[in-house]
PDB file of N, CA and C in Angstrom:
ATOM      1  N   MET A   1      44.148 -91.760   4.645  1.00  0.00           N
ATOM      2  CA  MET A   1      44.340 -90.695   5.594  1.00  0.00           C
ATOM      3  C   MET A   1      43.032 -90.458   6.344  1.00  0.00           C
ATOM      4  N   PRO A   2      42.931 -90.917   7.576  1.00  0.00           N
ATOM      5  CA  PRO A   2      41.718 -90.664   8.353  1.00  0.00           C
ATOM      6  C   PRO A   2      41.602 -89.186   8.721  1.00  0.00           C
ATOM      7  N   ILE A   3      40.407 -88.651   8.576  1.00  0.00           N
ATOM      8  CA  ILE A   3      40.110 -87.294   9.009  1.00  0.00           C
ATOM      9  C   ILE A   3      38.988 -87.403  10.036  1.00  0.00           C
ATOM     10  N   ILE A   4      39.282 -86.989  11.243  1.00  0.00           N
ATOM     11  CA  ILE A   4      38.309 -87.057  12.336  1.00  0.00           C
ATOM     12  C   ILE A   4      37.859 -85.639  12.642  1.00  0.00           C
ATOM     13  N   GLU A   5      36.554 -85.387  12.553  1.00  0.00           N
ATOM     14  CA  GLU A   5      36.003 -84.064  12.826  1.00  0.00           C
ATOM     15  C   GLU A   5      35.208 -84.113  14.121  1.00  0.00           C
ATOM     16  N   VAL A   6      35.419 -83.123  14.963  1.00  0.00           N
ATOM     17  CA  VAL A   6      34.731 -83.041  16.247  1.00  0.00           C
ATOM     18  C   VAL A   6      34.081 -81.667  16.355  1.00  0.00           C
ATOM     19  N   ASN A   7      32.787 -81.639  16.604  1.00  0.00           N
ATOM     20  CA  ASN A   7      32.063 -80.401  16.891  1.00  0.00           C
ATOM     21  C   ASN A   7      31.770 -80.390  18.377  1.00  0.00           C
ATOM     22  N   MET A   8      32.122 -79.281  19.036  1.00  0.00           N
ATOM     23  CA  MET A   8      31.887 -79.199  20.477  1.00  0.00           C
ATOM     24  C   MET A   8      31.676 -77.754  20.889  1.00  0.00           C
ATOM     25  N   LEU A   9      31.054 -77.599  22.037  1.00  0.00           N
ATOM     26  CA  LEU A   9      30.842 -76.261  22.563  1.00  0.00           C
ATOM     27  C   LEU A   9      32.170 -75.662  22.998  1.00  0.00           C
ATOM     28  N   GLU A  10      32.320 -74.363  22.786  1.00  0.00           N
ATOM     29  CA  GLU A  10      33.544 -73.687  23.185  1.00  0.00           C
ATOM     30  C   GLU A  10      33.646 -73.623  24.708  1.00  0.00           C
ATOM     31  N   GLY A  11      34.874 -73.419  25.168  1.00  0.00           N
ATOM     32  CA  GLY A  11      35.074 -73.235  26.592  1.00  0.00           C
ATOM     33  C   GLY A  11      36.054 -74.208  27.231  1.00  0.00           C
ATOM     34  N   ARG A  12      36.475 -75.201  26.489  1.00  0.00           N
ATOM     35  CA  ARG A  12      37.447 -76.143  27.054  1.00  0.00           C
ATOM     36  C   ARG A  12      38.851 -75.561  26.956  1.00  0.00           C
ATOM     37  N   SER A  13      39.696 -75.977  27.857  1.00  0.00           N
ATOM     38  CA  SER A  13      41.067 -75.465  27.877  1.00  0.00           C
ATOM     39  C   SER A  13      41.878 -76.039  26.714  1.00  0.00           C
ATOM     40  N   ALA A  14      42.965 -75.343  26.379  1.00  0.00           N
ATOM     41  CA  ALA A  14      43.873 -75.837  25.337  1.00  0.00           C
ATOM     42  C   ALA A  14      44.425 -77.197  25.732  1.00  0.00           C
ATOM     43  N   HIS A  15      44.700 -77.382  27.011  1.00  0.00           N
ATOM     44  CA  HIS A  15      45.210 -78.675  27.502  1.00  0.00           C
ATOM     45  C   HIS A  15      44.193 -79.789  27.253  1.00  0.00           C
ATOM     46  N   ASP A  16      42.932 -79.540  27.563  1.00  0.00           N
ATOM     47  CA  ASP A  16      41.894 -80.555  27.336  1.00  0.00           C
ATOM     48  C   ASP A  16      41.752 -80.889  25.855  1.00  0.00           C
ATOM     49  N   LYS A  17      41.848 -79.889  24.992  1.00  0.00           N
ATOM     50  CA  LYS A  17      41.739 -80.143  23.555  1.00  0.00           C
ATOM     51  C   LYS A  17      42.942 -80.951  23.057  1.00  0.00           C
ATOM     52  N   GLU A  18      44.127 -80.676  23.578  1.00  0.00           N
ATOM     53  CA  GLU A  18      45.307 -81.471  23.208  1.00  0.00           C
ATOM     54  C   GLU A  18      45.154 -82.923  23.657  1.00  0.00           C
ATOM     55  N   ARG A  19      44.598 -83.127  24.839  1.00  0.00           N
ATOM     56  CA  ARG A  19      44.357 -84.499  25.323  1.00  0.00           C
ATOM     57  C   ARG A  19      43.360 -85.213  24.428  1.00  0.00           C
ATOM     58  N   LEU A  20      42.321 -84.521  23.997  1.00  0.00           N
ATOM     59  CA  LEU A  20      41.337 -85.109  23.090  1.00  0.00           C
ATOM     60  C   LEU A  20      41.991 -85.481  21.762  1.00  0.00           C
ATOM     61  N   ILE A  21      42.789 -84.594  21.213  1.00  0.00           N
ATOM     62  CA  ILE A  21      43.489 -84.864  19.955  1.00  0.00           C
ATOM     63  C   ILE A  21      44.373 -86.100  20.093  1.00  0.00           C
ATOM     64  N   GLU A  22      45.096 -86.186  21.197  1.00  0.00           N
ATOM     65  CA  GLU A  22      45.965 -87.344  21.436  1.00  0.00           C
ATOM     66  C   GLU A  22      45.154 -88.640  21.529  1.00  0.00           C
ATOM     67  N   ALA A  23      44.045 -88.585  22.272  1.00  0.00           N
ATOM     68  CA  ALA A  23      43.216 -89.783  22.452  1.00  0.00           C
ATOM     69  C   ALA A  23      42.578 -90.222  21.135  1.00  0.00           C
ATOM     70  N   LEU A  24      42.112 -89.276  20.332  1.00  0.00           N
ATOM     71  CA  LEU A  24      41.512 -89.625  19.049  1.00  0.00           C
ATOM     72  C   LEU A  24      42.553 -90.211  18.098  1.00  0.00           C
ATOM     73  N   THR A  25      43.741 -89.635  18.109  1.00  0.00           N
ATOM     74  CA  THR A  25      44.827 -90.157  17.277  1.00  0.00           C
ATOM     75  C   THR A  25      45.164 -91.581  17.690  1.00  0.00           C
ATOM     76  N   ASP A  26      45.322 -91.811  18.990  1.00  0.00           N
ATOM     77  CA  ASP A  26      45.622 -93.154  19.484  1.00  0.00           C
ATOM     78  C   ASP A  26      44.512 -94.136  19.125  1.00  0.00           C
ATOM     79  N   ALA A  27      43.262 -93.691  19.183  1.00  0.00           N
ATOM     80  CA  ALA A  27      42.141 -94.569  18.840  1.00  0.00           C
ATOM     81  C   ALA A  27      42.182 -94.969  17.367  1.00  0.00           C
ATOM     82  N   ALA A  28      42.531 -94.034  16.492  1.00  0.00           N
ATOM     83  CA  ALA A  28      42.624 -94.358  15.066  1.00  0.00           C
ATOM     84  C   ALA A  28      43.768 -95.336  14.795  1.00  0.00           C
ATOM     85  N   ILE A  29      44.868 -95.144  15.495  1.00  0.00           N
ATOM     86  CA  ILE A  29      46.002 -96.064  15.335  1.00  0.00           C
ATOM     87  C   ILE A  29      45.606 -97.460  15.792  1.00  0.00           C
ATOM     88  N   THR A  30      44.996 -97.552  16.959  1.00  0.00           N
ATOM     89  CA  THR A  30      44.622 -98.838  17.539  1.00  0.00           C
ATOM     90  C   THR A  30      43.519 -99.537  16.748  1.00  0.00           C
ATOM     91  N   SER A  31      42.502 -98.787  16.354  1.00  0.00           N
ATOM     92  CA  SER A  31      41.327 -99.416  15.754  1.00  0.00           C
ATOM     93  C   SER A  31      41.475 -99.743  14.278  1.00  0.00           C
ATOM     94  N   ILE A  32      42.167 -98.893  13.517  1.00  0.00           N
ATOM     95  CA  ILE A  32      42.267 -99.161  12.077  1.00  0.00           C
ATOM     96  C   ILE A  32      43.702 -99.240  11.566  1.00  0.00           C
ATOM     97  N   GLY A  33      44.652 -99.147  12.472  1.00  0.00           N
ATOM     98  CA  GLY A  33      46.048 -99.285  12.083  1.00  0.00           C
ATOM     99  C   GLY A  33      46.589 -98.135  11.248  1.00  0.00           C
ATOM    100  N   ALA A  34      45.984 -96.964  11.384  1.00  0.00           N
ATOM    101  CA  ALA A  34      46.437 -95.804  10.615  1.00  0.00           C
ATOM    102  C   ALA A  34      47.801 -95.338  11.102  1.00  0.00           C
ATOM    103  N   PRO A  35      48.685 -94.983  10.208  1.00  0.00           N
ATOM    104  CA  PRO A  35      49.964 -94.410  10.630  1.00  0.00           C
ATOM    105  C   PRO A  35      49.725 -93.051  11.302  1.00  0.00           C
ATOM    106  N   ARG A  36      50.413 -92.798  12.396  1.00  0.00           N
ATOM    107  CA  ARG A  36      50.210 -91.565  13.169  1.00  0.00           C
ATOM    108  C   ARG A  36      50.272 -90.318  12.277  1.00  0.00           C
ATOM    109  N   GLU A  37      51.260 -90.258  11.402  1.00  0.00           N
ATOM    110  CA  GLU A  37      51.450 -89.058  10.588  1.00  0.00           C
ATOM    111  C   GLU A  37      50.353 -88.850   9.544  1.00  0.00           C
ATOM    112  N   SER A  38      49.507 -89.860   9.329  1.00  0.00           N
ATOM    113  CA  SER A  38      48.434 -89.724   8.340  1.00  0.00           C
ATOM    114  C   SER A  38      47.124 -89.234   8.953  1.00  0.00           C
ATOM    115  N   ILE A  39      47.042 -89.169  10.261  1.00  0.00           N
ATOM    116  CA  ILE A  39      45.777 -88.855  10.946  1.00  0.00           C
ATOM    117  C   ILE A  39      45.595 -87.350  11.057  1.00  0.00           C
ATOM    118  N   ARG A  40      44.430 -86.894  10.653  1.00  0.00           N
ATOM    119  CA  ARG A  40      44.072 -85.478  10.741  1.00  0.00           C
ATOM    120  C   ARG A  40      42.914 -85.336  11.713  1.00  0.00           C
ATOM    121  N   ILE A  41      42.994 -84.338  12.583  1.00  0.00           N
ATOM    122  CA  ILE A  41      41.926 -84.044  13.539  1.00  0.00           C
ATOM    123  C   ILE A  41      41.483 -82.606  13.301  1.00  0.00           C
ATOM    124  N   ILE A  42      40.179 -82.398  13.182  1.00  0.00           N
ATOM    125  CA  ILE A  42      39.619 -81.061  13.032  1.00  0.00           C
ATOM    126  C   ILE A  42      38.679 -80.826  14.219  1.00  0.00           C
ATOM    127  N   LEU A  43      38.984 -79.828  15.032  1.00  0.00           N
ATOM    128  CA  LEU A  43      38.108 -79.442  16.143  1.00  0.00           C
ATOM    129  C   LEU A  43      37.362 -78.178  15.740  1.00  0.00           C
ATOM    130  N   ARG A  44      36.054 -78.224  15.851  1.00  0.00           N
ATOM    131  CA  ARG A  44      35.226 -77.047  15.579  1.00  0.00           C
ATOM    132  C   ARG A  44      34.494 -76.692  16.862  1.00  0.00           C
ATOM    133  N   GLU A  45      34.734 -75.487  17.319  1.00  0.00           N
ATOM    134  CA  GLU A  45      34.050 -75.036  18.526  1.00  0.00           C
ATOM    135  C   GLU A  45      32.920 -74.093  18.136  1.00  0.00           C
ATOM    136  N   MET A  46      31.839 -74.200  18.870  1.00  0.00           N
ATOM    137  CA  MET A  46      30.700 -73.336  18.599  1.00  0.00           C
ATOM    138  C   MET A  46      30.226 -72.690  19.896  1.00  0.00           C
ATOM    139  N   ALA A  47      29.671 -71.514  19.738  1.00  0.00           N
ATOM    140  CA  ALA A  47      29.105 -70.797  20.885  1.00  0.00           C
ATOM    141  C   ALA A  47      27.864 -71.546  21.378  1.00  0.00           C
ATOM    142  N   PRO A  48      27.596 -71.502  22.680  1.00  0.00           N
ATOM    143  CA  PRO A  48      26.396 -72.164  23.194  1.00  0.00           C
ATOM    144  C   PRO A  48      25.101 -71.668  22.537  1.00  0.00           C
ATOM    145  N   SER A  49      25.123 -70.461  22.022  1.00  0.00           N
ATOM    146  CA  SER A  49      23.926 -69.943  21.339  1.00  0.00           C
ATOM    147  C   SER A  49      23.767 -70.528  19.936  1.00  0.00           C
ATOM    148  N   HIS A  50      24.775 -71.267  19.479  1.00  0.00           N
ATOM    149  CA  HIS A  50      24.719 -71.866  18.144  1.00  0.00           C
ATOM    150  C   HIS A  50      24.452 -73.363  18.161  1.00  0.00           C
ATOM    151  N   PHE A  51      24.085 -73.898  19.317  1.00  0.00           N
ATOM    152  CA  PHE A  51      23.786 -75.326  19.440  1.00  0.00           C
ATOM    153  C   PHE A  51      22.531 -75.480  20.281  1.00  0.00           C
ATOM    154  N   ALA A  52      21.596 -76.250  19.774  1.00  0.00           N
ATOM    155  CA  ALA A  52      20.311 -76.391  20.462  1.00  0.00           C
ATOM    156  C   ALA A  52      19.874 -77.844  20.512  1.00  0.00           C
ATOM    157  N   VAL A  53      19.125 -78.155  21.543  1.00  0.00           N
ATOM    158  CA  VAL A  53      18.496 -79.463  21.698  1.00  0.00           C
ATOM    159  C   VAL A  53      17.066 -79.205  22.146  1.00  0.00           C
ATOM    160  N   GLY A  54      16.136 -79.866  21.522  1.00  0.00           N
ATOM    161  CA  GLY A  54      14.737 -79.734  21.931  1.00  0.00           C
ATOM    162  C   GLY A  54      14.183 -78.334  21.749  1.00  0.00           C
ATOM    163  N   GLY A  55      14.691 -77.609  20.751  1.00  0.00           N
ATOM    164  CA  GLY A  55      14.147 -76.289  20.461  1.00  0.00           C
ATOM    165  C   GLY A  55      14.692 -75.162  21.314  1.00  0.00           C
ATOM    166  N   GLN A  56      15.738 -75.439  22.086  1.00  0.00           N
ATOM    167  CA  GLN A  56      16.297 -74.396  22.947  1.00  0.00           C
ATOM    168  C   GLN A  56      17.826 -74.474  22.906  1.00  0.00           C
ATOM    169  N   SER A  57      18.458 -73.324  22.703  1.00  0.00           N
ATOM    170  CA  SER A  57      19.913 -73.305  22.649  1.00  0.00           C
ATOM    171  C   SER A  57      20.495 -73.567  24.036  1.00  0.00           C
ATOM    172  N   PHE A  58      21.735 -74.009  24.039  1.00  0.00           N
ATOM    173  CA  PHE A  58      22.412 -74.237  25.318  1.00  0.00           C
ATOM    174  C   PHE A  58      22.560 -72.926  26.083  1.00  0.00           C
ATOM    175  N   ALA A  59      22.746 -71.804  25.365  1.00  0.00           N
ATOM    176  CA  ALA A  59      22.844 -70.501  26.026  1.00  0.00           C
ATOM    177  C   ALA A  59      21.536 -70.163  26.728  1.00  0.00           C
ATOM    178  N   ALA A  60      20.416 -70.406  26.064  1.00  0.00           N
ATOM    179  CA  ALA A  60      19.112 -70.145  26.669  1.00  0.00           C
ATOM    180  C   ALA A  60      18.872 -71.049  27.871  1.00  0.00           C
ATOM    181  N   LYS A  61      19.253 -72.310  27.760  1.00  0.00           N
ATOM    182  CA  LYS A  61      19.103 -73.229  28.895  1.00  0.00           C
ATOM    183  C   LYS A  61      19.935 -72.779  30.070  1.00  0.00           C
ATOM    184  N   ALA A  62      21.168 -72.340  29.816  1.00  0.00           N
ATOM    185  CA  ALA A  62      22.044 -71.875  30.902  1.00  0.00           C
ATOM    186  C   ALA A  62      21.464 -70.617  31.548  1.00  0.00           C
ATOM    187  N   ALA A  63      20.934 -69.715  30.723  1.00  0.00           N
ATOM    188  CA  ALA A  63      20.335 -68.486  31.257  1.00  0.00           C
ATOM    189  C   ALA A  63      19.103 -68.793  32.102  1.00  0.00           C
ATOM    190  N   ALA A  64      18.291 -69.745  31.628  1.00  0.00           N
ATOM    191  CA  ALA A  64      17.089 -70.129  32.390  1.00  0.00           C
ATOM    192  C   ALA A  64      17.474 -70.763  33.716  1.00  0.00           C
ATOM    193  N   LYS A  65      18.515 -71.591  33.680  1.00  0.00           N
ATOM    194  CA  LYS A  65      18.972 -72.241  34.900  1.00  0.00           C
ATOM    195  C   LYS A  65      19.520 -71.224  35.899  1.00  0.00           C
ATOM    196  N   ALA A  66      20.178 -70.184  35.385  1.00  0.00           N
ATOM    197  CA  ALA A  66      20.743 -69.137  36.237  1.00  0.00           C
ATOM    198  C   ALA A  66      19.682 -68.111  36.666  1.00  0.00           C
ATOM    199  N   GLY A  67      18.498 -68.212  36.065  1.00  0.00           N
ATOM    200  CA  GLY A  67      17.416 -67.297  36.426  1.00  0.00           C
ATOM    201  C   GLY A  67      17.490 -65.983  35.714  1.00  0.00           C
ATOM    202  N   THR A  68      18.159 -65.947  34.554  1.00  0.00           N
ATOM    203  CA  THR A  68      18.241 -64.707  33.777  1.00  0.00           C
ATOM    204  C   THR A  68      17.643 -64.960  32.403  1.00  0.00           C
ATOM    205  N   SER A  69      17.426 -63.888  31.673  1.00  0.00           N
ATOM    206  CA  SER A  69      16.970 -64.011  30.299  1.00  0.00           C
ATOM    207  C   SER A  69      17.871 -63.202  29.408  1.00  0.00           C
ATOM    208  N   ASP A  70      17.920 -63.593  28.141  1.00  0.00           N
ATOM    209  CA  ASP A  70      18.809 -62.908  27.187  1.00  0.00           C
ATOM    210  C   ASP A  70      18.024 -62.363  26.036  1.00  0.00           C
TER     211      ASP A  70
END
């Protein structure tokens, strides 16, 4: 039973997340021959303030780009 976990920033539409789930499921079927009903997908969304690169959160980067501070 393949379990695919995805961590991503929040803000995508329900439609986009369904498309991602479908594409990941199809990829597991194609690449490893997993039966569709055995594939599990876990999507974890996080706030931009909970994800950072280079010592700065995405929320801080967005605020700096917009010219504001938080």
